[in-house]
Amino acid sequence: MATGWPAVLTDSGVRLRPLRRRDGRVWLALRAANSAWLAPWEASSPVPVVGPAPTFGNFVHTLAVQARQGTTLPFAVDLDGALVGQLTVSGITYGSLCSATIGYWVSQHVAGRGVTPTAVALATDHCFQELGLHRMEINIRTENGPSLRVVEKLGFRDEGLRRRYLHIAGSWRDHRSFALTTEDVPGGLLARWHAGPANPPEG
């Protein structure tokens, strides 16, 4: 099992825990209820996908294998005990880079309640403190206002535009890249989030 996994991280009613097969019914219902809310930001394949779509069980199994390999942390996001979204730390790399990328989604009914910033702060601190990573990155479509507000609140540094970075909703889309390193949050990102909206780091 990878260092730092499985993990359960909690703060102020928000809990990150491993995504499980038994989450399938609620997860699928959330995705269906939020299809219009999430569709503009959904990753897509640039080549036609043949064959049946993977089941939720297949999806969780793939993530679990990646977690055991130490490349991914697939978290369910709970609020007050109810599943409301997902946060995945992916592309975990050690050596001279020591970096990873965070992606997330939450149900529209909890948007604006601090769930996503808290979840991102919990995951970032876990990666810095338990996995020993040095840098965390979040890539966001330029049109995605809610996600841009998350990184603004947390003080992630804007590192510029990546043109046609990811295939999203059927086309190659520009993204802005945001990052933090351990030097940016010596006392932890969660503590800084609790202290109030951050000023973006200089440089």
Protein backbone atom coordinates (compact mmCIF):
# COMPACT_ATOMS: atom_id res chain seq x y z
CA MET A 1 0.00 0.00 0.00
CA ALA A 2 1.26 3.47 -0.89
CA THR A 3 2.52 5.74 1.86
CA GLY A 4 -0.27 8.04 3.05
CA TRP A 5 -3.02 5.76 1.74
CA PRO A 6 -5.69 4.85 2.65
CA ALA A 7 -6.42 8.08 4.48
CA VAL A 8 -9.39 9.82 6.09
CA LEU A 9 -9.06 13.60 6.47
CA THR A 10 -11.64 15.76 8.24
CA ASP A 11 -12.36 19.39 9.04
CA SER A 12 -15.54 21.36 9.80
CA GLY A 13 -17.95 18.70 8.56
CA VAL A 14 -15.92 18.00 5.42
CA ARG A 15 -14.42 14.53 5.18
CA LEU A 16 -12.12 13.06 2.55
CA ARG A 17 -12.08 9.25 2.48
CA PRO A 18 -11.35 6.53 -0.06
CA LEU A 19 -13.95 6.21 -2.81
CA ARG A 20 -15.62 2.80 -2.51
CA ARG A 21 -17.76 0.57 -4.72
CA ARG A 22 -20.64 0.98 -2.28
CA ASP A 23 -20.72 4.69 -3.16
CA GLY A 24 -22.00 3.77 -6.61
CA ARG A 25 -25.72 4.44 -6.21
CA VAL A 26 -25.27 7.85 -4.56
CA TRP A 27 -22.32 8.83 -6.80
CA LEU A 28 -24.25 8.02 -9.98
CA ALA A 29 -27.33 9.88 -8.72
CA LEU A 30 -25.20 12.95 -7.92
CA ARG A 31 -23.61 12.88 -11.35
CA ALA A 32 -27.01 12.59 -13.04
CA ALA A 33 -28.49 15.43 -10.98
CA ASN A 34 -25.47 17.63 -11.75
CA SER A 35 -24.98 16.70 -15.41
CA ALA A 36 -25.58 20.25 -16.72
CA TRP A 37 -23.46 21.76 -13.92
CA LEU A 38 -20.48 19.48 -14.63
CA ALA A 39 -20.67 18.88 -18.40
CA PRO A 40 -18.66 21.96 -19.49
CA TRP A 41 -15.68 20.81 -17.41
CA GLU A 42 -15.71 17.07 -18.14
CA ALA A 43 -12.63 15.40 -19.62
CA SER A 44 -13.29 13.72 -22.96
CA SER A 45 -11.38 11.50 -25.36
CA PRO A 46 -9.89 13.01 -28.53
CA VAL A 47 -10.41 9.65 -30.30
CA PRO A 48 -13.64 7.64 -30.53
CA VAL A 49 -14.16 5.28 -27.61
CA VAL A 50 -15.33 1.83 -28.66
CA GLY A 51 -16.95 -0.81 -26.53
CA PRO A 52 -19.21 -0.52 -23.48
CA ALA A 53 -18.70 2.28 -21.01
CA PRO A 54 -16.90 1.20 -17.82
CA THR A 55 -19.11 0.52 -14.82
CA PHE A 56 -18.72 2.40 -11.55
CA GLY A 57 -17.11 -0.73 -10.14
CA ASN A 58 -14.54 -0.72 -12.98
CA PHE A 59 -13.89 2.97 -12.32
CA VAL A 60 -13.25 2.43 -8.60
CA HIS A 61 -11.10 -0.64 -9.30
CA THR A 62 -8.87 1.33 -11.68
CA LEU A 63 -8.45 4.12 -9.12
CA ALA A 64 -7.72 1.60 -6.37
CA VAL A 65 -4.96 0.00 -8.46
CA GLN A 66 -3.43 3.44 -9.07
CA ALA A 67 -3.66 4.20 -5.34
CA ARG A 68 -1.79 0.97 -4.50
CA GLN A 69 0.86 1.98 -7.03
CA GLY A 70 1.21 5.34 -5.29
CA THR A 71 0.29 7.47 -8.31
CA THR A 72 -3.26 8.51 -7.31
CA LEU A 73 -5.30 9.30 -4.19
CA PRO A 74 -9.02 8.88 -5.06
CA PHE A 75 -11.04 10.64 -2.35
CA ALA A 76 -14.78 10.79 -1.90
CA VAL A 77 -15.87 14.17 -0.50
CA ASP A 78 -18.48 13.99 2.28
CA LEU A 79 -20.28 16.86 3.96
CA ASP A 80 -21.89 16.07 7.32
CA GLY A 81 -21.72 12.37 6.45
CA ALA A 82 -23.25 12.59 2.97
CA LEU A 83 -21.36 12.10 -0.29
CA VAL A 84 -21.26 15.40 -2.21
CA GLY A 85 -18.35 15.03 -4.64
CA GLN A 86 -14.93 13.68 -5.44
CA LEU A 87 -11.34 14.91 -5.20
CA THR A 88 -8.51 13.06 -6.91
CA VAL A 89 -4.80 13.65 -6.43
CA SER A 90 -3.18 12.31 -9.60
CA GLY A 91 0.17 12.23 -11.35
CA ILE A 92 2.03 11.76 -8.06
CA THR A 93 5.73 11.97 -8.89
CA TYR A 94 8.76 11.76 -6.60
CA GLY A 95 12.44 12.24 -7.31
CA SER A 96 13.56 15.67 -8.41
CA LEU A 97 9.96 16.85 -9.03
CA CYS A 98 7.93 15.66 -5.98
CA SER A 99 4.68 16.97 -7.39
CA ALA A 100 1.04 16.06 -8.01
CA THR A 101 -2.12 17.50 -9.53
CA ILE A 102 -5.51 17.96 -7.87
CA GLY A 103 -8.84 17.63 -9.65
CA TYR A 104 -12.29 17.82 -8.07
CA TRP A 105 -16.02 18.22 -8.49
CA VAL A 106 -18.82 18.86 -6.00
CA SER A 107 -22.58 18.88 -6.30
CA GLN A 108 -24.09 22.24 -7.15
CA HIS A 109 -26.24 22.18 -4.01
CA VAL A 110 -23.12 22.58 -1.81
CA ALA A 111 -21.24 25.01 -4.05
CA GLY A 112 -20.20 28.23 -2.30
CA ARG A 113 -20.23 26.68 1.18
CA GLY A 114 -16.47 26.27 1.52
CA VAL A 115 -16.52 22.53 0.86
CA THR A 116 -14.13 22.57 -2.09
CA PRO A 117 -11.52 24.94 -0.58
CA THR A 118 -11.53 22.87 2.61
CA ALA A 119 -11.18 19.62 0.66
CA VAL A 120 -8.32 21.02 -1.43
CA ALA A 121 -6.57 22.33 1.68
CA LEU A 122 -6.91 18.96 3.44
CA ALA A 123 -5.54 17.08 0.43
CA THR A 124 -2.69 19.54 -0.11
CA ASP A 125 -1.55 19.35 3.51
CA HIS A 126 -1.74 15.55 3.40
CA CYS A 127 0.44 15.45 0.29
CA PHE A 128 2.98 17.87 1.74
CA GLN A 129 3.10 16.43 5.24
CA GLU A 130 2.49 12.69 4.74
CA LEU A 131 3.67 12.01 1.19
CA GLY A 132 6.57 14.46 1.31
CA LEU A 133 5.60 16.22 -1.93
CA HIS A 134 6.95 19.68 -2.70
CA ARG A 135 4.46 21.08 -5.24
CA MET A 136 0.72 20.81 -5.85
CA GLU A 137 -0.88 21.94 -9.09
CA ILE A 138 -4.45 22.65 -10.20
CA ASN A 139 -5.35 23.28 -13.85
CA ILE A 140 -8.61 25.11 -14.54
CA ARG A 141 -10.46 26.12 -17.68
CA THR A 142 -10.39 29.88 -18.13
CA GLU A 143 -14.21 29.99 -18.14
CA ASN A 144 -14.66 28.02 -14.90
CA GLY A 145 -15.48 30.81 -12.47
CA PRO A 146 -16.29 28.64 -9.41
CA SER A 147 -12.98 26.75 -9.61
CA LEU A 148 -11.03 29.94 -10.21
CA ARG A 149 -12.52 31.31 -6.99
CA VAL A 150 -11.34 28.21 -5.10
CA VAL A 151 -7.68 28.74 -5.99
CA GLU A 152 -8.02 32.48 -5.40
CA LYS A 153 -9.38 31.89 -1.89
CA LEU A 154 -6.56 29.46 -1.10
CA GLY A 155 -3.82 31.64 -2.55
CA PHE A 156 -2.59 29.28 -5.24
CA ARG A 157 -0.10 31.06 -7.50
CA ASP A 158 -1.21 31.68 -11.10
CA GLU A 159 1.56 30.21 -13.26
CA GLY A 160 0.07 31.15 -16.60
CA LEU A 161 -1.96 29.91 -19.54
CA ARG A 162 -1.59 26.45 -21.04
CA ARG A 163 -3.09 26.58 -24.50
CA ARG A 164 -5.17 23.61 -25.64
CA TYR A 165 -4.00 21.77 -22.54
CA LEU A 166 -6.74 19.16 -22.05
CA HIS A 167 -9.51 17.62 -24.13
CA ILE A 168 -12.66 18.79 -22.36
CA ALA A 169 -16.29 18.50 -23.50
CA GLY A 170 -15.22 17.51 -27.01
CA SER A 171 -12.44 19.98 -27.79
CA TRP A 172 -8.91 20.94 -26.76
CA ARG A 173 -9.32 23.67 -24.15
CA ASP A 174 -7.07 26.34 -22.70
CA HIS A 175 -6.37 26.08 -18.96
CA ARG A 176 -4.73 28.27 -16.39
CA SER A 177 -2.19 26.53 -14.19
CA PHE A 178 -2.08 27.26 -10.44
CA ALA A 179 0.40 25.88 -7.91
CA LEU A 180 1.69 25.95 -4.35
CA THR A 181 4.93 24.66 -2.92
CA THR A 182 5.68 23.80 0.67
CA GLU A 183 7.55 27.10 1.07
CA ASP A 184 4.30 28.98 0.31
CA VAL A 185 2.43 27.46 3.27
CA PRO A 186 4.91 26.70 6.08
CA GLY A 187 2.08 26.45 8.60
CA GLY A 188 -0.15 24.36 6.34
CA LEU A 189 -2.79 25.36 3.78
CA LEU A 190 -5.73 24.44 6.00
CA ALA A 191 -4.51 26.79 8.73
CA ARG A 192 -4.13 29.58 6.18
CA TRP A 193 -7.64 28.90 4.83
CA HIS A 194 -9.07 29.13 8.35
CA ALA A 195 -7.20 32.40 8.90
CA GLY A 196 -9.07 34.01 6.00
CA PRO A 197 -8.83 34.41 2.21
CA ALA A 198 -5.21 34.32 1.17
CA ASN A 199 -3.25 36.87 -0.77
CA PRO A 200 -1.71 35.18 -3.83
CA PRO A 201 2.01 34.52 -3.33
CA GLU A 202 4.41 36.86 -5.05
CA GLY A 203 6.37 35.75 -8.10
